[in-house]
Amino acid sequence: MKRTAFLVAKEQYGLIENPLFTPDILAHSSLQHFEAKEYIHRQGNEMTDLFYVVSGSAKILKTEANGKRTLIQFLAPHDFIGELGFIEAEVSKEETKDVQARTKVVCLSIPMSYAKAVLFNDPRFLQKIGQYIGQKLITRMAHFSVNQNFELRDRLAEFLLEHTVAGYIVEKQAEIAEYLGVSYRHLAHTFKEFREYAILEKTTSGYRVDQKRLEEYLLSRKGGY
């Protein structure tokens, strides 16, 4: 992880034009740079910063007491990390989750102490956080609804369309199975089918996704969603 004072790097990311972030907020902030697979936050640690994703892709994971690891959500530019701690919905560090970069990620980092002391009294900022949490809840509800009502083939195809990185699957199959609400065995069987359709190709770097064949497959399944 590399940290840069925001005022040093402000010209690179255009945040100076974002009305959400006042000059005072930016003066107290820094930019943090994470490499792919690096952890932005570790489960069980205190959330010391409120993050705003500027670029890249990340994911939220939760490890249960039995060791099972669940993929909860993907993060993209304009997402927040630590907003539940900011509004004190997560009241202890034990309630936090892993946040891991999927690609190179750049975040605007606002110290949580400053956020709680100053931004908690900013109605405009609180409204934005409230809207964001509401939208995240709607997205998760839609995801669970799709898991219950559509075939795995369709859900996996949409997953590949939305979440591959540079043409490859970067998640472990166990994580994908948890995210799609199926058994590992069921997912492995569907992976095999997709390899037979030439949508997936197993390489030394992992599974490569043939974008053209995937789009053709989704078109043939049109009406599944």
C-alpha atoms as a PDB file:
ATOM      1  CA  MET A   1       0.000   0.000   0.000  1.00  0.00           C
ATOM      2  CA  LYS A   2       1.260   3.462  -0.883  1.00  0.00           C
ATOM      3  CA  ARG A   3      -0.168   6.616   0.654  1.00  0.00           C
ATOM      4  CA  THR A   4      -0.016  10.062  -0.968  1.00  0.00           C
ATOM      5  CA  ALA A   5      -1.281  13.326   0.491  1.00  0.00           C
ATOM      6  CA  PHE A   6      -4.312  14.291  -1.558  1.00  0.00           C
ATOM      7  CA  LEU A   7      -3.142  17.839  -2.170  1.00  0.00           C
ATOM      8  CA  VAL A   8       0.006  16.420  -3.761  1.00  0.00           C
ATOM      9  CA  ALA A   9      -1.899  14.170  -6.175  1.00  0.00           C
ATOM     10  CA  LYS A  10      -5.201  15.998  -6.620  1.00  0.00           C
ATOM     11  CA  GLU A  11      -4.719  16.750 -10.301  1.00  0.00           C
ATOM     12  CA  GLN A  12      -4.629  13.040 -11.204  1.00  0.00           C
ATOM     13  CA  TYR A  13      -8.117  11.969 -10.163  1.00  0.00           C
ATOM     14  CA  GLY A  14     -10.502  14.886 -10.563  1.00  0.00           C
ATOM     15  CA  LEU A  15     -11.864  14.658  -7.032  1.00  0.00           C
ATOM     16  CA  ILE A  16     -11.344  18.387  -6.666  1.00  0.00           C
ATOM     17  CA  GLU A  17     -14.396  18.790  -8.931  1.00  0.00           C
ATOM     18  CA  ASN A  18     -16.560  16.375  -6.913  1.00  0.00           C
ATOM     19  CA  PRO A  19     -19.052  18.502  -4.929  1.00  0.00           C
ATOM     20  CA  LEU A  20     -19.198  15.865  -2.184  1.00  0.00           C
ATOM     21  CA  PHE A  21     -15.617  16.542  -1.144  1.00  0.00           C
ATOM     22  CA  THR A  22     -15.023  20.083   0.071  1.00  0.00           C
ATOM     23  CA  PRO A  23     -11.513  21.602   0.126  1.00  0.00           C
ATOM     24  CA  ASP A  24     -11.445  21.030   3.889  1.00  0.00           C
ATOM     25  CA  ILE A  25     -12.252  17.318   3.508  1.00  0.00           C
ATOM     26  CA  LEU A  26      -9.590  16.934   0.821  1.00  0.00           C
ATOM     27  CA  ALA A  27      -7.028  18.767   2.956  1.00  0.00           C
ATOM     28  CA  HIS A  28      -7.535  16.131   5.666  1.00  0.00           C
ATOM     29  CA  SER A  29      -7.479  13.218   3.212  1.00  0.00           C
ATOM     30  CA  SER A  30      -4.890  11.130   1.428  1.00  0.00           C
ATOM     31  CA  LEU A  31      -4.843   8.794  -1.560  1.00  0.00           C
ATOM     32  CA  GLN A  32      -4.033   5.156  -0.868  1.00  0.00           C
ATOM     33  CA  HIS A  33      -2.850   2.842  -3.640  1.00  0.00           C
ATOM     34  CA  PHE A  34      -3.347  -0.924  -3.341  1.00  0.00           C
ATOM     35  CA  GLU A  35      -2.043  -3.710  -5.559  1.00  0.00           C
ATOM     36  CA  ALA A  36      -4.250  -6.557  -6.781  1.00  0.00           C
ATOM     37  CA  LYS A  37      -4.926  -9.099  -3.981  1.00  0.00           C
ATOM     38  CA  GLU A  38      -3.731  -6.638  -1.320  1.00  0.00           C
ATOM     39  CA  TYR A  39      -6.059  -6.128   1.629  1.00  0.00           C
ATOM     40  CA  ILE A  40      -7.558  -2.678   2.053  1.00  0.00           C
ATOM     41  CA  HIS A  41      -8.923  -3.769   5.429  1.00  0.00           C
ATOM     42  CA  ARG A  42      -8.711  -6.963   7.482  1.00  0.00           C
ATOM     43  CA  GLN A  43     -11.634  -8.489   9.329  1.00  0.00           C
ATOM     44  CA  GLY A  44     -11.461  -7.901  13.057  1.00  0.00           C
ATOM     45  CA  ASN A  45      -9.242  -4.820  12.789  1.00  0.00           C
ATOM     46  CA  GLU A  46     -10.413  -1.357  13.732  1.00  0.00           C
ATOM     47  CA  MET A  47     -11.616   0.711  10.773  1.00  0.00           C
ATOM     48  CA  THR A  48      -9.387   3.779  11.051  1.00  0.00           C
ATOM     49  CA  ASP A  49     -10.387   5.397   7.754  1.00  0.00           C
ATOM     50  CA  LEU A  50     -13.483   6.036   5.679  1.00  0.00           C
ATOM     51  CA  PHE A  51     -12.571   5.090   2.103  1.00  0.00           C
ATOM     52  CA  TYR A  52     -14.042   6.276  -1.187  1.00  0.00           C
ATOM     53  CA  VAL A  53     -13.048   4.121  -4.163  1.00  0.00           C
ATOM     54  CA  VAL A  54     -11.591   6.293  -6.914  1.00  0.00           C
ATOM     55  CA  SER A  55     -10.499   3.568  -9.346  1.00  0.00           C
ATOM     56  CA  GLY A  56     -10.227  -0.200  -9.542  1.00  0.00           C
ATOM     57  CA  SER A  57     -12.254  -3.132  -8.259  1.00  0.00           C
ATOM     58  CA  ALA A  58     -12.394  -4.726  -4.801  1.00  0.00           C
ATOM     59  CA  LYS A  59     -14.525  -7.227  -2.906  1.00  0.00           C
ATOM     60  CA  ILE A  60     -15.924  -7.659   0.592  1.00  0.00           C
ATOM     61  CA  LEU A  61     -15.481 -11.064   2.246  1.00  0.00           C
ATOM     62  CA  LYS A  62     -16.537 -12.446   5.609  1.00  0.00           C
ATOM     63  CA  THR A  63     -14.941 -15.389   7.367  1.00  0.00           C
ATOM     64  CA  GLU A  64     -17.347 -17.247   9.650  1.00  0.00           C
ATOM     65  CA  ALA A  65     -16.461 -18.935  12.940  1.00  0.00           C
ATOM     66  CA  ASN A  66     -16.338 -22.305  11.140  1.00  0.00           C
ATOM     67  CA  GLY A  67     -13.737 -20.989   8.698  1.00  0.00           C
ATOM     68  CA  LYS A  68     -16.110 -20.671   5.748  1.00  0.00           C
ATOM     69  CA  ARG A  69     -15.324 -17.606   3.656  1.00  0.00           C
ATOM     70  CA  THR A  70     -18.227 -15.772   1.995  1.00  0.00           C
ATOM     71  CA  LEU A  71     -18.018 -13.297  -0.873  1.00  0.00           C
ATOM     72  CA  ILE A  72     -20.551 -10.598   0.003  1.00  0.00           C
ATOM     73  CA  GLN A  73     -20.178  -7.761  -2.466  1.00  0.00           C
ATOM     74  CA  PHE A  74     -18.056  -6.280  -5.235  1.00  0.00           C
ATOM     75  CA  LEU A  75     -16.857  -2.696  -5.045  1.00  0.00           C
ATOM     76  CA  ALA A  76     -16.243  -0.278  -7.901  1.00  0.00           C
ATOM     77  CA  PRO A  77     -15.451   3.436  -8.291  1.00  0.00           C
ATOM     78  CA  HIS A  78     -17.745   5.693  -6.196  1.00  0.00           C
ATOM     79  CA  ASP A  79     -18.303   2.985  -3.556  1.00  0.00           C
ATOM     80  CA  PHE A  80     -17.516   3.627   0.112  1.00  0.00           C
ATOM     81  CA  ILE A  81     -15.638   1.359   2.517  1.00  0.00           C
ATOM     82  CA  GLY A  82     -16.198   1.815   6.239  1.00  0.00           C
ATOM     83  CA  GLU A  83     -19.500   3.660   6.004  1.00  0.00           C
ATOM     84  CA  LEU A  84     -21.130   1.318   8.560  1.00  0.00           C
ATOM     85  CA  GLY A  85     -18.423   2.159  11.053  1.00  0.00           C
ATOM     86  CA  PHE A  86     -18.829   5.842  10.261  1.00  0.00           C
ATOM     87  CA  ILE A  87     -22.534   5.810  11.181  1.00  0.00           C
ATOM     88  CA  GLU A  88     -21.756   3.417  14.074  1.00  0.00           C
ATOM     89  CA  ALA A  89     -23.888   0.572  12.740  1.00  0.00           C
ATOM     90  CA  GLU A  90     -20.776  -1.574  13.236  1.00  0.00           C
ATOM     91  CA  VAL A  91     -20.063  -0.854  16.877  1.00  0.00           C
ATOM     92  CA  SER A  92     -16.964  -3.012  17.333  1.00  0.00           C
ATOM     93  CA  LYS A  93     -13.951  -3.997  15.266  1.00  0.00           C
ATOM     94  CA  GLU A  94     -15.080  -7.647  15.447  1.00  0.00           C
ATOM     95  CA  GLU A  95     -17.978  -6.761  13.144  1.00  0.00           C
ATOM     96  CA  THR A  96     -15.761  -5.511  10.323  1.00  0.00           C
ATOM     97  CA  LYS A  97     -15.011  -7.608   7.229  1.00  0.00           C
ATOM     98  CA  ASP A  98     -12.134  -8.229   4.846  1.00  0.00           C
ATOM     99  CA  VAL A  99     -11.902  -5.860   1.894  1.00  0.00           C
ATOM    100  CA  GLN A 100      -9.490  -7.091  -0.776  1.00  0.00           C
ATOM    101  CA  ALA A 101      -8.381  -5.418  -4.006  1.00  0.00           C
ATOM    102  CA  ARG A 102      -9.187  -7.403  -7.169  1.00  0.00           C
ATOM    103  CA  THR A 103      -7.190  -5.047  -9.394  1.00  0.00           C
ATOM    104  CA  LYS A 104      -5.009  -2.065  -8.623  1.00  0.00           C
ATOM    105  CA  VAL A 105      -7.207   0.176  -6.465  1.00  0.00           C
ATOM    106  CA  VAL A 106      -6.939   3.836  -5.540  1.00  0.00           C
ATOM    107  CA  CYS A 107      -9.003   5.133  -2.609  1.00  0.00           C
ATOM    108  CA  LEU A 108      -9.540   8.529  -1.098  1.00  0.00           C
ATOM    109  CA  SER A 109      -8.854   7.930   2.596  1.00  0.00           C
ATOM    110  CA  ILE A 110     -10.538  10.156   5.196  1.00  0.00           C
ATOM    111  CA  PRO A 111      -9.404   9.571   8.807  1.00  0.00           C
ATOM    112  CA  MET A 112     -12.355   8.136  10.720  1.00  0.00           C
ATOM    113  CA  SER A 113     -11.686  10.456  13.661  1.00  0.00           C
ATOM    114  CA  TYR A 114     -12.083  13.498  11.392  1.00  0.00           C
ATOM    115  CA  ALA A 115     -15.110  11.979   9.643  1.00  0.00           C
ATOM    116  CA  LYS A 116     -16.945  11.354  12.926  1.00  0.00           C
ATOM    117  CA  ALA A 117     -15.999  14.709  14.444  1.00  0.00           C
ATOM    118  CA  VAL A 118     -16.765  16.877  11.411  1.00  0.00           C
ATOM    119  CA  LEU A 119     -18.636  15.029   8.659  1.00  0.00           C
ATOM    120  CA  PHE A 120     -21.133  13.450  11.051  1.00  0.00           C
ATOM    121  CA  ASN A 121     -22.486  16.979  11.497  1.00  0.00           C
ATOM    122  CA  ASP A 122     -22.625  17.684   7.744  1.00  0.00           C
ATOM    123  CA  PRO A 123     -26.244  17.038   6.551  1.00  0.00           C
ATOM    124  CA  ARG A 124     -25.199  16.879   2.897  1.00  0.00           C
ATOM    125  CA  PHE A 125     -22.532  14.265   3.561  1.00  0.00           C
ATOM    126  CA  LEU A 126     -24.856  12.234   5.809  1.00  0.00           C
ATOM    127  CA  GLN A 127     -27.536  12.299   3.108  1.00  0.00           C
ATOM    128  CA  LYS A 128     -25.043  10.930   0.577  1.00  0.00           C
ATOM    129  CA  ILE A 129     -23.972   8.145   2.945  1.00  0.00           C
ATOM    130  CA  GLY A 130     -27.628   7.312   3.697  1.00  0.00           C
ATOM    131  CA  GLN A 131     -28.459   7.104  -0.015  1.00  0.00           C
ATOM    132  CA  TYR A 132     -25.424   4.931  -0.620  1.00  0.00           C
ATOM    133  CA  ILE A 133     -26.330   2.470   2.157  1.00  0.00           C
ATOM    134  CA  GLY A 134     -29.923   2.312   0.873  1.00  0.00           C
ATOM    135  CA  GLN A 135     -28.757   1.607  -2.687  1.00  0.00           C
ATOM    136  CA  LYS A 136     -26.378  -1.079  -1.415  1.00  0.00           C
ATOM    137  CA  LEU A 137     -29.242  -2.751   0.445  1.00  0.00           C
ATOM    138  CA  ILE A 138     -31.416  -2.719  -2.693  1.00  0.00           C
ATOM    139  CA  THR A 139     -28.551  -4.220  -4.727  1.00  0.00           C
ATOM    140  CA  ARG A 140     -28.024  -7.036  -2.215  1.00  0.00           C
ATOM    141  CA  MET A 141     -31.765  -7.796  -2.079  1.00  0.00           C
ATOM    142  CA  ALA A 142     -31.868  -7.978  -5.880  1.00  0.00           C
ATOM    143  CA  HIS A 143     -28.880 -10.325  -5.854  1.00  0.00           C
ATOM    144  CA  PHE A 144     -30.545 -12.704  -3.368  1.00  0.00           C
ATOM    145  CA  SER A 145     -33.776 -12.600  -5.368  1.00  0.00           C
ATOM    146  CA  VAL A 146     -31.950 -13.536  -8.581  1.00  0.00           C
ATOM    147  CA  ASN A 147     -30.167 -16.398  -6.771  1.00  0.00           C
ATOM    148  CA  GLN A 148     -33.522 -17.836  -5.756  1.00  0.00           C
ATOM    149  CA  ASN A 149     -35.339 -17.451  -9.056  1.00  0.00           C
ATOM    150  CA  PHE A 150     -32.952 -18.064 -11.971  1.00  0.00           C
ATOM    151  CA  GLU A 151     -30.885 -20.956 -13.236  1.00  0.00           C
ATOM    152  CA  LEU A 152     -27.219 -21.163 -12.313  1.00  0.00           C
ATOM    153  CA  ARG A 153     -26.206 -21.080 -15.994  1.00  0.00           C
ATOM    154  CA  ASP A 154     -27.764 -17.652 -16.389  1.00  0.00           C
ATOM    155  CA  ARG A 155     -26.392 -16.344 -13.105  1.00  0.00           C
ATOM    156  CA  LEU A 156     -22.879 -17.594 -13.827  1.00  0.00           C
ATOM    157  CA  ALA A 157     -22.973 -16.066 -17.310  1.00  0.00           C
ATOM    158  CA  GLU A 158     -23.980 -12.692 -15.856  1.00  0.00           C
ATOM    159  CA  PHE A 159     -21.288 -13.043 -13.201  1.00  0.00           C
ATOM    160  CA  LEU A 160     -18.651 -13.615 -15.880  1.00  0.00           C
ATOM    161  CA  LEU A 161     -19.939 -10.681 -17.899  1.00  0.00           C
ATOM    162  CA  GLU A 162     -19.759  -8.282 -14.959  1.00  0.00           C
ATOM    163  CA  HIS A 163     -16.841  -9.466 -12.860  1.00  0.00           C
ATOM    164  CA  THR A 164     -13.997 -10.850 -14.964  1.00  0.00           C
ATOM    165  CA  VAL A 165     -10.714  -8.951 -14.759  1.00  0.00           C
ATOM    166  CA  ALA A 166      -8.770  -8.490 -18.006  1.00  0.00           C
ATOM    167  CA  GLY A 167     -10.628 -11.486 -19.442  1.00  0.00           C
ATOM    168  CA  TYR A 168      -9.945 -13.821 -16.515  1.00  0.00           C
ATOM    169  CA  ILE A 169     -11.785 -15.090 -13.430  1.00  0.00           C
ATOM    170  CA  VAL A 170      -9.835 -13.956 -10.365  1.00  0.00           C
ATOM    171  CA  GLU A 171     -12.136 -15.382  -7.667  1.00  0.00           C
ATOM    172  CA  LYS A 172     -11.785 -18.889  -6.295  1.00  0.00           C
ATOM    173  CA  GLN A 173     -14.580 -21.250  -7.293  1.00  0.00           C
ATOM    174  CA  ALA A 174     -15.556 -21.709  -3.637  1.00  0.00           C
ATOM    175  CA  GLU A 175     -16.102 -17.937  -3.341  1.00  0.00           C
ATOM    176  CA  ILE A 176     -18.155 -17.845  -6.542  1.00  0.00           C
ATOM    177  CA  ALA A 177     -20.279 -20.772  -5.343  1.00  0.00           C
ATOM    178  CA  GLU A 178     -21.045 -18.945  -2.081  1.00  0.00           C
ATOM    179  CA  TYR A 179     -21.829 -15.716  -3.944  1.00  0.00           C
ATOM    180  CA  LEU A 180     -24.199 -17.476  -6.341  1.00  0.00           C
ATOM    181  CA  GLY A 181     -25.821 -19.495  -3.567  1.00  0.00           C
ATOM    182  CA  VAL A 182     -24.984 -22.995  -4.864  1.00  0.00           C
ATOM    183  CA  SER A 183     -22.849 -25.941  -3.872  1.00  0.00           C
ATOM    184  CA  TYR A 184     -19.258 -26.169  -5.066  1.00  0.00           C
ATOM    185  CA  ARG A 185     -20.183 -29.375  -6.924  1.00  0.00           C
ATOM    186  CA  HIS A 186     -23.040 -27.683  -8.797  1.00  0.00           C
ATOM    187  CA  LEU A 187     -20.782 -24.799  -9.803  1.00  0.00           C
ATOM    188  CA  ALA A 188     -18.001 -27.150 -10.928  1.00  0.00           C
ATOM    189  CA  HIS A 189     -20.499 -28.981 -13.157  1.00  0.00           C
ATOM    190  CA  THR A 190     -21.592 -25.692 -14.741  1.00  0.00           C
ATOM    191  CA  PHE A 191     -17.960 -24.651 -15.219  1.00  0.00           C
ATOM    192  CA  LYS A 192     -17.489 -27.916 -17.126  1.00  0.00           C
ATOM    193  CA  GLU A 193     -20.477 -27.107 -19.347  1.00  0.00           C
ATOM    194  CA  PHE A 194     -19.091 -23.634 -20.060  1.00  0.00           C
ATOM    195  CA  ARG A 195     -15.749 -25.174 -21.023  1.00  0.00           C
ATOM    196  CA  GLU A 196     -17.594 -27.468 -23.443  1.00  0.00           C
ATOM    197  CA  TYR A 197     -19.333 -24.379 -24.886  1.00  0.00           C
ATOM    198  CA  ALA A 198     -15.841 -22.809 -25.205  1.00  0.00           C
ATOM    199  CA  ILE A 199     -16.929 -19.908 -22.999  1.00  0.00           C
ATOM    200  CA  LEU A 200     -14.245 -20.840 -20.465  1.00  0.00           C
ATOM    201  CA  GLU A 201     -10.735 -22.043 -21.176  1.00  0.00           C
ATOM    202  CA  LYS A 202      -8.471 -23.346 -18.428  1.00  0.00           C
ATOM    203  CA  THR A 203      -4.960 -21.899 -18.705  1.00  0.00           C
ATOM    204  CA  THR A 204      -1.879 -21.739 -16.511  1.00  0.00           C
ATOM    205  CA  SER A 205      -3.094 -18.304 -15.356  1.00  0.00           C
ATOM    206  CA  GLY A 206      -6.576 -19.554 -14.445  1.00  0.00           C
ATOM    207  CA  TYR A 207      -9.853 -19.535 -16.348  1.00  0.00           C
ATOM    208  CA  ARG A 208      -9.975 -17.275 -19.393  1.00  0.00           C
ATOM    209  CA  VAL A 209     -13.384 -16.026 -20.542  1.00  0.00           C
ATOM    210  CA  ASP A 210     -14.167 -15.848 -24.253  1.00  0.00           C
ATOM    211  CA  GLN A 211     -16.171 -12.629 -24.315  1.00  0.00           C
ATOM    212  CA  LYS A 212     -17.659 -13.197 -27.784  1.00  0.00           C
ATOM    213  CA  ARG A 213     -18.895 -16.708 -26.977  1.00  0.00           C
ATOM    214  CA  LEU A 214     -20.222 -15.498 -23.628  1.00  0.00           C
ATOM    215  CA  GLU A 215     -22.243 -12.744 -25.287  1.00  0.00           C
ATOM    216  CA  GLU A 216     -23.545 -15.211 -27.887  1.00  0.00           C
ATOM    217  CA  TYR A 217     -24.573 -17.563 -25.088  1.00  0.00           C
ATOM    218  CA  LEU A 218     -26.374 -14.802 -23.195  1.00  0.00           C
ATOM    219  CA  LEU A 219     -28.174 -13.791 -26.382  1.00  0.00           C
ATOM    220  CA  SER A 220     -29.301 -17.382 -26.917  1.00  0.00           C
ATOM    221  CA  ARG A 221     -30.610 -17.430 -23.355  1.00  0.00           C
ATOM    222  CA  LYS A 222     -32.380 -14.102 -23.719  1.00  0.00           C
ATOM    223  CA  GLY A 223     -35.544 -14.131 -21.680  1.00  0.00           C
ATOM    224  CA  GLY A 224     -33.905 -15.994 -18.774  1.00  0.00           C
ATOM    225  CA  TYR A 225     -33.835 -12.695 -16.867  1.00  0.00           C
END
